[in-house]
C-alpha atoms as a PDB file:
ATOM      1  CA  MET A   1     103.442  27.305 -10.347  1.00  0.00           C
ATOM      2  CA  GLN A   2     104.205  28.708  -6.868  1.00  0.00           C
ATOM      3  CA  TYR A   3     101.071  30.861  -7.068  1.00  0.00           C
ATOM      4  CA  LEU A   4      99.013  27.775  -8.012  1.00  0.00           C
ATOM      5  CA  SER A   5     100.385  25.783  -5.068  1.00  0.00           C
ATOM      6  CA  LEU A   6      99.593  28.648  -2.687  1.00  0.00           C
ATOM      7  CA  LEU A   7      96.059  28.919  -4.083  1.00  0.00           C
ATOM      8  CA  LEU A   8      95.426  25.213  -3.532  1.00  0.00           C
ATOM      9  CA  LEU A   9      96.565  25.491   0.082  1.00  0.00           C
ATOM     10  CA  LEU A  10      94.098  28.322   0.695  1.00  0.00           C
ATOM     11  CA  VAL A  11      91.091  26.356  -0.657  1.00  0.00           C
ATOM     12  CA  PRO A  12      89.086  24.952   2.322  1.00  0.00           C
ATOM     13  CA  GLN A  13      89.380  21.182   2.538  1.00  0.00           C
ATOM     14  CA  ILE A  14      86.109  19.239   2.754  1.00  0.00           C
ATOM     15  CA  ILE A  15      86.456  16.166   4.914  1.00  0.00           C
ATOM     16  CA  ALA A  16      83.933  13.432   4.228  1.00  0.00           C
ATOM     17  CA  PRO A  17      81.992  12.290   7.320  1.00  0.00           C
ATOM     18  CA  PRO A  18      82.795   8.824   8.540  1.00  0.00           C
ATOM     19  CA  ASP A  19      80.667   6.073   7.092  1.00  0.00           C
ATOM     20  CA  GLU A  20      77.671   5.366   9.278  1.00  0.00           C
ATOM     21  CA  PRO A  21      77.191   1.725  10.105  1.00  0.00           C
ATOM     22  CA  THR A  22      74.418   0.244   8.016  1.00  0.00           C
ATOM     23  CA  THR A  23      71.738  -1.728   9.761  1.00  0.00           C
ATOM     24  CA  SER A  24      69.661  -4.286   7.935  1.00  0.00           C
ATOM     25  CA  PRO A  25      65.914  -4.178   8.608  1.00  0.00           C
ATOM     26  CA  ALA A  26      64.708  -6.534  11.310  1.00  0.00           C
ATOM     27  CA  ALA A  27      63.541  -9.834   9.902  1.00  0.00           C
ATOM     28  CA  ALA A  28      59.813 -10.469  10.149  1.00  0.00           C
ATOM     29  CA  PRO A  29      58.956 -13.029  12.809  1.00  0.00           C
ATOM     30  CA  LEU A  30      58.193 -16.543  11.660  1.00  0.00           C
ATOM     31  CA  TYR A  31      55.490 -18.581  13.313  1.00  0.00           C
ATOM     32  CA  ASN A  32      56.624 -22.069  12.322  1.00  0.00           C
ATOM     33  CA  THR A  33      59.143 -22.634  15.112  1.00  0.00           C
ATOM     34  CA  GLY A  34      58.796 -24.360  18.452  1.00  0.00           C
ATOM     35  CA  PRO A  35      56.073 -26.824  19.391  1.00  0.00           C
ATOM     36  CA  LEU A  36      52.655 -26.504  17.767  1.00  0.00           C
ATOM     37  CA  ARG A  37      50.674 -24.445  20.283  1.00  0.00           C
ATOM     38  CA  VAL A  38      47.919 -21.899  20.899  1.00  0.00           C
ATOM     39  CA  GLU A  39      48.757 -18.405  22.135  1.00  0.00           C
ATOM     40  CA  LEU A  40      46.493 -15.546  23.195  1.00  0.00           C
ATOM     41  CA  MET A  41      46.858 -12.393  21.090  1.00  0.00           C
ATOM     42  CA  GLY A  42      44.238 -10.060  22.519  1.00  0.00           C
ATOM     43  CA  VAL A  43      40.971  -9.621  24.383  1.00  0.00           C
ATOM     44  CA  ARG A  44      38.057  -7.236  23.849  1.00  0.00           C
ATOM     45  CA  GLU A  45      34.995  -6.916  26.062  1.00  0.00           C
ATOM     46  CA  ILE A  46      31.813  -5.231  24.861  1.00  0.00           C
ATOM     47  CA  ARG A  47      28.887  -4.366  27.124  1.00  0.00           C
ATOM     48  CA  PHE A  48      25.470  -3.232  25.880  1.00  0.00           C
ATOM     49  CA  TRP A  49      22.599  -1.663  27.767  1.00  0.00           C
ATOM     50  CA  SER A  50      19.300  -0.260  26.564  1.00  0.00           C
ATOM     51  CA  SER A  51      16.085   0.850  28.224  1.00  0.00           C
ATOM     52  CA  ASP A  52      14.227  -0.418  25.145  1.00  0.00           C
ATOM     53  CA  PRO A  53      13.449  -4.117  25.779  1.00  0.00           C
ATOM     54  CA  VAL A  54      13.255  -4.909  22.072  1.00  0.00           C
ATOM     55  CA  LEU A  55      16.653  -3.375  21.425  1.00  0.00           C
ATOM     56  CA  ALA A  56      18.096  -4.936  24.572  1.00  0.00           C
ATOM     57  CA  ALA A  57      16.979  -8.394  23.373  1.00  0.00           C
ATOM     58  CA  ARG A  58      18.899  -7.941  20.114  1.00  0.00           C
ATOM     59  CA  MET A  59      22.125  -6.729  21.703  1.00  0.00           C
ATOM     60  CA  GLU A  60      24.444  -9.095  23.525  1.00  0.00           C
ATOM     61  CA  SER A  61      27.401  -8.281  25.739  1.00  0.00           C
ATOM     62  CA  ASP A  62      30.371 -10.586  25.347  1.00  0.00           C
ATOM     63  CA  LEU A  63      34.076 -11.161  25.835  1.00  0.00           C
ATOM     64  CA  GLN A  64      35.952 -11.730  22.561  1.00  0.00           C
ATOM     65  CA  MET A  65      39.366 -13.339  22.247  1.00  0.00           C
ATOM     66  CA  ARG A  66      41.860 -13.577  19.401  1.00  0.00           C
ATOM     67  CA  LEU A  67      44.096 -16.661  19.404  1.00  0.00           C
ATOM     68  CA  ARG A  68      46.956 -17.769  17.193  1.00  0.00           C
ATOM     69  CA  ILE A  69      48.050 -21.309  16.338  1.00  0.00           C
ATOM     70  CA  GLN A  70      51.777 -21.357  15.664  1.00  0.00           C
ATOM     71  CA  GLY A  71      54.779 -23.657  15.774  1.00  0.00           C
ATOM     72  CA  GLU A  72      56.352 -26.423  13.759  1.00  0.00           C
ATOM     73  CA  ARG A  73      54.051 -27.889  11.100  1.00  0.00           C
ATOM     74  CA  VAL A  74      51.644 -24.937  11.245  1.00  0.00           C
ATOM     75  CA  ASP A  75      51.975 -24.896   7.441  1.00  0.00           C
ATOM     76  CA  GLU A  76      50.565 -28.442   7.325  1.00  0.00           C
ATOM     77  CA  ILE A  77      47.213 -27.496   8.888  1.00  0.00           C
ATOM     78  CA  VAL A  78      44.463 -28.141   6.322  1.00  0.00           C
ATOM     79  CA  ARG A  79      41.357 -28.145   8.547  1.00  0.00           C
ATOM     80  CA  THR A  80      40.397 -26.904  12.002  1.00  0.00           C
ATOM     81  CA  GLY A  81      37.506 -27.269  14.352  1.00  0.00           C
ATOM     82  CA  SER A  82      36.063 -24.453  16.396  1.00  0.00           C
ATOM     83  CA  VAL A  83      37.717 -23.102  19.523  1.00  0.00           C
ATOM     84  CA  LEU A  84      36.107 -25.205  22.264  1.00  0.00           C
ATOM     85  CA  LEU A  85      36.545 -23.668  25.698  1.00  0.00           C
ATOM     86  CA  THR A  86      36.026 -25.999  28.642  1.00  0.00           C
ATOM     87  CA  GLU A  87      36.653 -23.640  31.570  1.00  0.00           C
ATOM     88  CA  VAL A  88      36.689 -19.834  31.659  1.00  0.00           C
ATOM     89  CA  VAL A  89      36.568 -18.172  35.098  1.00  0.00           C
ATOM     90  CA  ASP A  90      37.307 -14.563  36.106  1.00  0.00           C
ATOM     91  CA  ASP A  91      38.853 -13.454  39.402  1.00  0.00           C
ATOM     92  CA  THR A  92      35.419 -13.016  41.023  1.00  0.00           C
ATOM     93  CA  GLY A  93      34.679 -16.687  40.451  1.00  0.00           C
ATOM     94  CA  LYS A  94      32.152 -16.101  37.657  1.00  0.00           C
ATOM     95  CA  ALA A  95      32.103 -18.828  34.963  1.00  0.00           C
ATOM     96  CA  LEU A  96      31.854 -17.334  31.473  1.00  0.00           C
ATOM     97  CA  ILE A  97      30.683 -20.491  29.672  1.00  0.00           C
ATOM     98  CA  ASP A  98      28.053 -23.127  30.463  1.00  0.00           C
ATOM     99  CA  GLU A  99      26.456 -26.220  28.939  1.00  0.00           C
ATOM    100  CA  THR A 100      24.579 -24.081  26.369  1.00  0.00           C
ATOM    101  CA  THR A 101      27.704 -22.454  24.915  1.00  0.00           C
ATOM    102  CA  TYR A 102      28.290 -25.145  22.257  1.00  0.00           C
ATOM    103  CA  LYS A 103      26.002 -27.395  20.254  1.00  0.00           C
ATOM    104  CA  ASP A 104      26.881 -31.025  19.615  1.00  0.00           C
ATOM    105  CA  ILE A 105      27.711 -30.267  15.982  1.00  0.00           C
ATOM    106  CA  ASP A 106      30.241 -27.635  17.114  1.00  0.00           C
ATOM    107  CA  THR A 107      32.329 -30.366  18.736  1.00  0.00           C
ATOM    108  CA  LYS A 108      32.415 -32.554  15.605  1.00  0.00           C
ATOM    109  CA  THR A 109      32.677 -30.261  12.580  1.00  0.00           C
ATOM    110  CA  THR A 110      35.931 -29.105  10.983  1.00  0.00           C
ATOM    111  CA  HIS A 111      36.431 -26.507   8.258  1.00  0.00           C
ATOM    112  CA  THR A 112      38.857 -26.355   5.342  1.00  0.00           C
ATOM    113  CA  ILE A 113      41.755 -23.897   5.681  1.00  0.00           C
ATOM    114  CA  THR A 114      42.367 -22.065   2.409  1.00  0.00           C
ATOM    115  CA  ILE A 115      45.354 -20.028   3.642  1.00  0.00           C
ATOM    116  CA  THR A 116      48.556 -20.930   1.792  1.00  0.00           C
ATOM    117  CA  PRO A 117      51.417 -22.688   3.632  1.00  0.00           C
ATOM    118  CA  ASP A 118      53.664 -19.648   3.073  1.00  0.00           C
ATOM    119  CA  ARG A 119      51.176 -17.369   4.783  1.00  0.00           C
ATOM    120  CA  LEU A 120      50.734 -19.821   7.658  1.00  0.00           C
ATOM    121  CA  ARG A 121      54.489 -19.754   8.200  1.00  0.00           C
ATOM    122  CA  ASP A 122      54.508 -15.950   8.095  1.00  0.00           C
ATOM    123  CA  SER A 123      51.493 -15.202  10.292  1.00  0.00           C
ATOM    124  CA  GLY A 124      50.299 -18.394  11.948  1.00  0.00           C
ATOM    125  CA  LEU A 125      46.611 -19.334  11.978  1.00  0.00           C
ATOM    126  CA  LEU A 126      44.299 -16.821  13.649  1.00  0.00           C
ATOM    127  CA  MET A 127      41.213 -18.065  15.520  1.00  0.00           C
ATOM    128  CA  SER A 128      38.443 -16.333  17.454  1.00  0.00           C
ATOM    129  CA  ALA A 129      36.406 -17.226  20.512  1.00  0.00           C
ATOM    130  CA  ARG A 130      33.710 -15.502  22.541  1.00  0.00           C
ATOM    131  CA  THR A 131      32.162 -15.998  25.973  1.00  0.00           C
ATOM    132  CA  LYS A 132      29.787 -14.240  28.310  1.00  0.00           C
ATOM    133  CA  PRO A 133      31.114 -10.952  29.700  1.00  0.00           C
ATOM    134  CA  SER A 134      33.125 -10.975  32.902  1.00  0.00           C
ATOM    135  CA  ALA A 135      31.648  -9.765  36.185  1.00  0.00           C
ATOM    136  CA  ARG A 136      31.597  -6.060  36.930  1.00  0.00           C
ATOM    137  CA  GLY A 137      34.818  -5.255  38.719  1.00  0.00           C
ATOM    138  CA  ALA A 138      36.708  -8.295  37.454  1.00  0.00           C
ATOM    139  CA  ARG A 139      40.326  -7.519  36.636  1.00  0.00           C
ATOM    140  CA  THR A 140      41.709 -10.814  35.336  1.00  0.00           C
ATOM    141  CA  LEU A 141      40.708 -14.131  33.843  1.00  0.00           C
ATOM    142  CA  LYS A 142      42.026 -16.689  36.277  1.00  0.00           C
ATOM    143  CA  VAL A 143      41.411 -19.698  34.015  1.00  0.00           C
ATOM    144  CA  LEU A 144      41.134 -20.043  30.235  1.00  0.00           C
ATOM    145  CA  HIS A 145      41.197 -23.717  29.230  1.00  0.00           C
ATOM    146  CA  GLY A 146      40.009 -25.545  26.132  1.00  0.00           C
ATOM    147  CA  THR A 147      41.099 -27.220  22.899  1.00  0.00           C
ATOM    148  CA  ILE A 148      41.267 -26.659  19.147  1.00  0.00           C
ATOM    149  CA  ARG A 149      41.089 -29.633  16.821  1.00  0.00           C
ATOM    150  CA  VAL A 150      43.482 -29.448  13.861  1.00  0.00           C
ATOM    151  CA  ILE A 151      43.909 -31.736  10.860  1.00  0.00           C
ATOM    152  CA  LEU A 152      47.417 -31.891   9.388  1.00  0.00           C
ATOM    153  CA  ALA A 153      48.320 -33.281   5.977  1.00  0.00           C
ATOM    154  CA  LYS A 154      51.071 -33.005   3.394  1.00  0.00           C
ATOM    155  CA  ASP A 155      49.886 -34.613   0.159  1.00  0.00           C
ATOM    156  CA  LYS A 156      46.768 -34.266  -2.019  1.00  0.00           C
ATOM    157  CA  GLU A 157      45.512 -36.502  -4.819  1.00  0.00           C
ATOM    158  CA  LYS A 158      42.765 -35.876  -7.390  1.00  0.00           C
ATOM    159  CA  PHE A 159      39.821 -38.240  -7.845  1.00  0.00           C
ATOM    160  CA  THR A 160      37.489 -37.733 -10.818  1.00  0.00           C
ATOM    161  CA  VAL A 161      33.902 -39.014 -11.005  1.00  0.00           C
ATOM    162  CA  VAL A 162      32.050 -38.692 -14.325  1.00  0.00           C
ATOM    163  CA  ASN A 163      28.355 -37.686 -14.289  1.00  0.00           C
ATOM    164  CA  PRO A 164      27.853 -37.579 -10.510  1.00  0.00           C
ATOM    165  CA  PHE A 165      24.100 -36.970 -11.092  1.00  0.00           C
ATOM    166  CA  HIS A 166      23.865 -40.635 -12.042  1.00  0.00           C
ATOM    167  CA  TYR A 167      24.302 -41.432  -8.332  1.00  0.00           C
ATOM    168  CA  TYR A 168      21.350 -39.374  -7.119  1.00  0.00           C
ATOM    169  CA  GLY A 169      20.303 -40.758  -3.742  1.00  0.00           C
ATOM    170  CA  GLN A 170      23.308 -43.103  -3.707  1.00  0.00           C
ATOM    171  CA  THR A 171      26.977 -43.179  -2.743  1.00  0.00           C
ATOM    172  CA  LEU A 172      29.465 -42.284  -5.476  1.00  0.00           C
ATOM    173  CA  VAL A 173      31.183 -45.354  -6.900  1.00  0.00           C
ATOM    174  CA  ASP A 174      34.949 -44.983  -7.233  1.00  0.00           C
ATOM    175  CA  PRO A 175      37.409 -47.774  -6.360  1.00  0.00           C
ATOM    176  CA  ARG A 176      40.112 -45.351  -5.179  1.00  0.00           C
ATOM    177  CA  LEU A 177      37.733 -43.551  -2.825  1.00  0.00           C
ATOM    178  CA  ALA A 178      36.478 -46.913  -1.580  1.00  0.00           C
ATOM    179  CA  ALA A 179      40.053 -48.063  -0.907  1.00  0.00           C
ATOM    180  CA  LEU A 180      40.511 -45.033   1.374  1.00  0.00           C
ATOM    181  CA  GLY A 181      37.195 -45.670   3.120  1.00  0.00           C
ATOM    182  CA  ILE A 182      35.702 -42.391   1.867  1.00  0.00           C
ATOM    183  CA  GLU A 183      31.933 -42.412   1.193  1.00  0.00           C
ATOM    184  CA  ILE A 184      30.314 -39.420  -0.540  1.00  0.00           C
ATOM    185  CA  GLU A 185      26.563 -39.524  -1.053  1.00  0.00           C
ATOM    186  CA  VAL A 186      24.575 -37.498  -3.592  1.00  0.00           C
ATOM    187  CA  LEU A 187      21.803 -36.360  -1.303  1.00  0.00           C
ATOM    188  CA  PRO A 188      18.193 -35.538  -2.309  1.00  0.00           C
ATOM    189  CA  ALA A 189      17.277 -31.959  -1.449  1.00  0.00           C
ATOM    190  CA  ASP A 190      14.319 -32.984   0.731  1.00  0.00           C
ATOM    191  CA  GLN A 191      16.788 -34.335   3.308  1.00  0.00           C
ATOM    192  CA  LEU A 192      18.140 -30.835   4.036  1.00  0.00           C
ATOM    193  CA  GLU A 193      16.936 -28.187   6.452  1.00  0.00           C
ATOM    194  CA  ASN A 194      15.323 -25.275   4.588  1.00  0.00           C
ATOM    195  CA  ALA A 195      16.377 -26.787   1.286  1.00  0.00           C
ATOM    196  CA  PRO A 196      16.627 -24.391  -1.677  1.00  0.00           C
ATOM    197  CA  ALA A 197      15.345 -25.240  -5.155  1.00  0.00           C
ATOM    198  CA  MET A 198      17.831 -27.718  -6.658  1.00  0.00           C
ATOM    199  CA  GLU A 199      16.733 -27.999 -10.316  1.00  0.00           C
ATOM    200  CA  ARG A 200      20.310 -27.202 -11.393  1.00  0.00           C
ATOM    201  CA  GLY A 201      22.393 -28.330  -8.465  1.00  0.00           C
ATOM    202  CA  ILE A 202      23.881 -31.246  -6.581  1.00  0.00           C
ATOM    203  CA  ILE A 203      24.374 -31.963  -2.880  1.00  0.00           C
ATOM    204  CA  PHE A 204      27.266 -33.951  -1.417  1.00  0.00           C
ATOM    205  CA  HIS A 205      27.009 -35.564   1.989  1.00  0.00           C
ATOM    206  CA  TYR A 206      30.464 -36.600   3.162  1.00  0.00           C
ATOM    207  CA  LYS A 207      29.401 -39.680   5.079  1.00  0.00           C
ATOM    208  CA  THR A 208      32.830 -40.906   6.181  1.00  0.00           C
ATOM    209  CA  LYS A 209      36.301 -39.390   6.550  1.00  0.00           C
ATOM    210  CA  ARG A 210      35.118 -35.918   5.673  1.00  0.00           C
ATOM    211  CA  GLU A 211      38.387 -34.532   7.058  1.00  0.00           C
ATOM    212  CA  HIS A 212      40.229 -36.142   4.120  1.00  0.00           C
ATOM    213  CA  VAL A 213      38.285 -34.073   1.532  1.00  0.00           C
ATOM    214  CA  PHE A 214      40.020 -30.790   0.765  1.00  0.00           C
ATOM    215  CA  ASN A 215      38.009 -29.522  -2.192  1.00  0.00           C
ATOM    216  CA  ALA A 216      35.487 -30.378  -4.910  1.00  0.00           C
ATOM    217  CA  ALA A 217      35.472 -28.701  -8.331  1.00  0.00           C
ATOM    218  CA  PHE A 218      33.591 -29.361 -11.558  1.00  0.00           C
ATOM    219  CA  CYS A 219      34.700 -29.719 -15.206  1.00  0.00           C
ATOM    220  CA  ASP A 220      32.971 -30.340 -18.498  1.00  0.00           C
ATOM    221  CA  GLY A 221      33.658 -33.248 -20.831  1.00  0.00           C
ATOM    222  CA  TRP A 222      36.846 -31.543 -22.040  1.00  0.00           C
ATOM    223  CA  MET A 223      38.087 -30.983 -18.448  1.00  0.00           C
ATOM    224  CA  ARG A 224      37.458 -27.258 -18.710  1.00  0.00           C
ATOM    225  CA  PRO A 225      36.480 -25.668 -15.370  1.00  0.00           C
ATOM    226  CA  VAL A 226      32.755 -25.187 -14.808  1.00  0.00           C
ATOM    227  CA  PRO A 227      31.881 -22.221 -12.585  1.00  0.00           C
ATOM    228  CA  THR A 228      29.690 -23.002  -9.595  1.00  0.00           C
ATOM    229  CA  ARG A 229      28.621 -21.437  -6.350  1.00  0.00           C
ATOM    230  CA  ASP A 230      28.288 -23.511  -3.230  1.00  0.00           C
ATOM    231  CA  SER A 231      26.820 -23.304   0.246  1.00  0.00           C
ATOM    232  CA  TRP A 232      26.721 -25.504   3.321  1.00  0.00           C
ATOM    233  CA  ILE A 233      23.281 -26.685   4.474  1.00  0.00           C
ATOM    234  CA  ASN A 234      22.553 -28.947   7.433  1.00  0.00           C
ATOM    235  CA  LYS A 235      21.062 -32.404   7.049  1.00  0.00           C
ATOM    236  CA  LYS A 236      17.647 -32.687   8.693  1.00  0.00           C
ATOM    237  CA  ASP A 237      18.129 -35.754  10.876  1.00  0.00           C
ATOM    238  CA  THR A 238      21.748 -35.280  12.041  1.00  0.00           C
ATOM    239  CA  ALA A 239      22.436 -31.538  11.497  1.00  0.00           C
ATOM    240  CA  GLU A 240      25.597 -32.553   9.610  1.00  0.00           C
ATOM    241  CA  PRO A 241      26.700 -29.877   7.130  1.00  0.00           C
ATOM    242  CA  CYS A 242      26.319 -30.933   3.484  1.00  0.00           C
ATOM    243  CA  GLN A 243      27.800 -29.106   0.500  1.00  0.00           C
ATOM    244  CA  ALA A 244      25.373 -27.907  -2.178  1.00  0.00           C
ATOM    245  CA  PHE A 245      26.650 -26.769  -5.594  1.00  0.00           C
ATOM    246  CA  PHE A 246      24.624 -24.685  -8.074  1.00  0.00           C
ATOM    247  CA  PHE A 247      25.276 -24.492 -11.845  1.00  0.00           C
ATOM    248  CA  GLU A 248      24.361 -22.385 -14.825  1.00  0.00           C
ATOM    249  CA  PRO A 249      21.777 -24.136 -17.055  1.00  0.00           C
ATOM    250  CA  SER A 250      24.297 -24.768 -19.850  1.00  0.00           C
ATOM    251  CA  ALA A 251      26.604 -26.729 -17.533  1.00  0.00           C
ATOM    252  CA  PHE A 252      23.981 -29.095 -16.241  1.00  0.00           C
ATOM    253  CA  ASN A 253      24.436 -32.234 -18.384  1.00  0.00           C
ATOM    254  CA  ASP A 254      25.623 -35.860 -18.323  1.00  0.00           C
ATOM    255  CA  GLU A 255      29.194 -34.931 -19.318  1.00  0.00           C
ATOM    256  CA  LEU A 256      29.797 -32.979 -16.122  1.00  0.00           C
ATOM    257  CA  GLN A 257      32.632 -34.323 -13.978  1.00  0.00           C
ATOM    258  CA  VAL A 258      33.542 -33.656 -10.359  1.00  0.00           C
ATOM    259  CA  VAL A 259      37.170 -33.625  -9.248  1.00  0.00           C
ATOM    260  CA  PHE A 260      37.797 -34.165  -5.544  1.00  0.00           C
ATOM    261  CA  GLU A 261      41.097 -33.196  -3.950  1.00  0.00           C
ATOM    262  CA  ILE A 262      41.746 -35.765  -1.242  1.00  0.00           C
ATOM    263  CA  HIS A 263      44.344 -36.091   1.498  1.00  0.00           C
ATOM    264  CA  PRO A 264      45.191 -39.815   1.578  1.00  0.00           C
ATOM    265  CA  GLN A 265      46.888 -39.487   4.986  1.00  0.00           C
ATOM    266  CA  ILE A 266      45.992 -37.052   7.761  1.00  0.00           C
ATOM    267  CA  GLU A 267      46.937 -36.502  11.381  1.00  0.00           C
ATOM    268  CA  ASP A 268      44.119 -35.548  13.756  1.00  0.00           C
ATOM    269  CA  ARG A 269      45.290 -33.586  16.814  1.00  0.00           C
ATOM    270  CA  GLN A 270      43.808 -31.679  19.751  1.00  0.00           C
ATOM    271  CA  LEU A 271      45.807 -28.585  20.698  1.00  0.00           C
ATOM    272  CA  PRO A 272      45.358 -27.588  24.347  1.00  0.00           C
ATOM    273  CA  ILE A 273      44.507 -24.054  25.431  1.00  0.00           C
ATOM    274  CA  GLN A 274      45.954 -23.372  28.889  1.00  0.00           C
ATOM    275  CA  ILE A 275      46.233 -19.645  29.568  1.00  0.00           C
ATOM    276  CA  ASP A 276      45.816 -18.385  33.121  1.00  0.00           C
ATOM    277  CA  ASP A 277      45.911 -15.094  34.996  1.00  0.00           C
ATOM    278  CA  PHE A 278      45.819 -12.483  32.265  1.00  0.00           C
ATOM    279  CA  ALA A 279      44.482  -8.973  32.603  1.00  0.00           C
ATOM    280  CA  LEU A 280      41.066  -8.016  31.286  1.00  0.00           C
ATOM    281  CA  PRO A 281      40.702  -4.814  29.243  1.00  0.00           C
END
């Protein structure tokens, strides 16, 4: 027993290192806090030159900007307009936009946002803008002002219209749509610019409250989804974008139904862009 005790004393003792403090990974930033606003993320300027006049005519130098919409209620954004810049001036005094930068339709049209609310909270809403290039030797943009139109909404309701082809050349008849003041016309193809063949298709012109319409999908008589492809084509007289849907031959019949997803209530806002004195690349 004494020999065993002596042997144990001679065995080297291994002392465990102290526990290292554990650090939890940094939480990912959220973009749904603070006031709803527009922030500048980055700028890229590209300049082209060519001695070939044909190639030079096809290439265009520009200044490109990446913007982010973030803040409270960013997850309620369902539509946006384009980035409309009203004043962009570099530190040499050169204006980078003029009266030809935007067409009239650019100031009126909005587009559906298909990004999920969760993703909007996690990353905000990214937007792009471009202008003429800055002057040679310019170091900063002194003024970057403009607006972005956003449509916010919380709820959606479904509105079903049976055999929409019955309303060719007319406005769809639905008492619920009428109560909301929404008029959707089934437009003849000859009223479109560069109209495609529409033997198996239908065109919707959202005459009023287009910002309330989130989506349109088609079903057969048993409410089974009908696959379609769609494209946006401008109306001849007003240049308004109209939505054209194309079907497979088997789906084109009187039992076809269209289901509109509608926002009964929306909030229409203009977010200001006011970013001054930032360095050019």
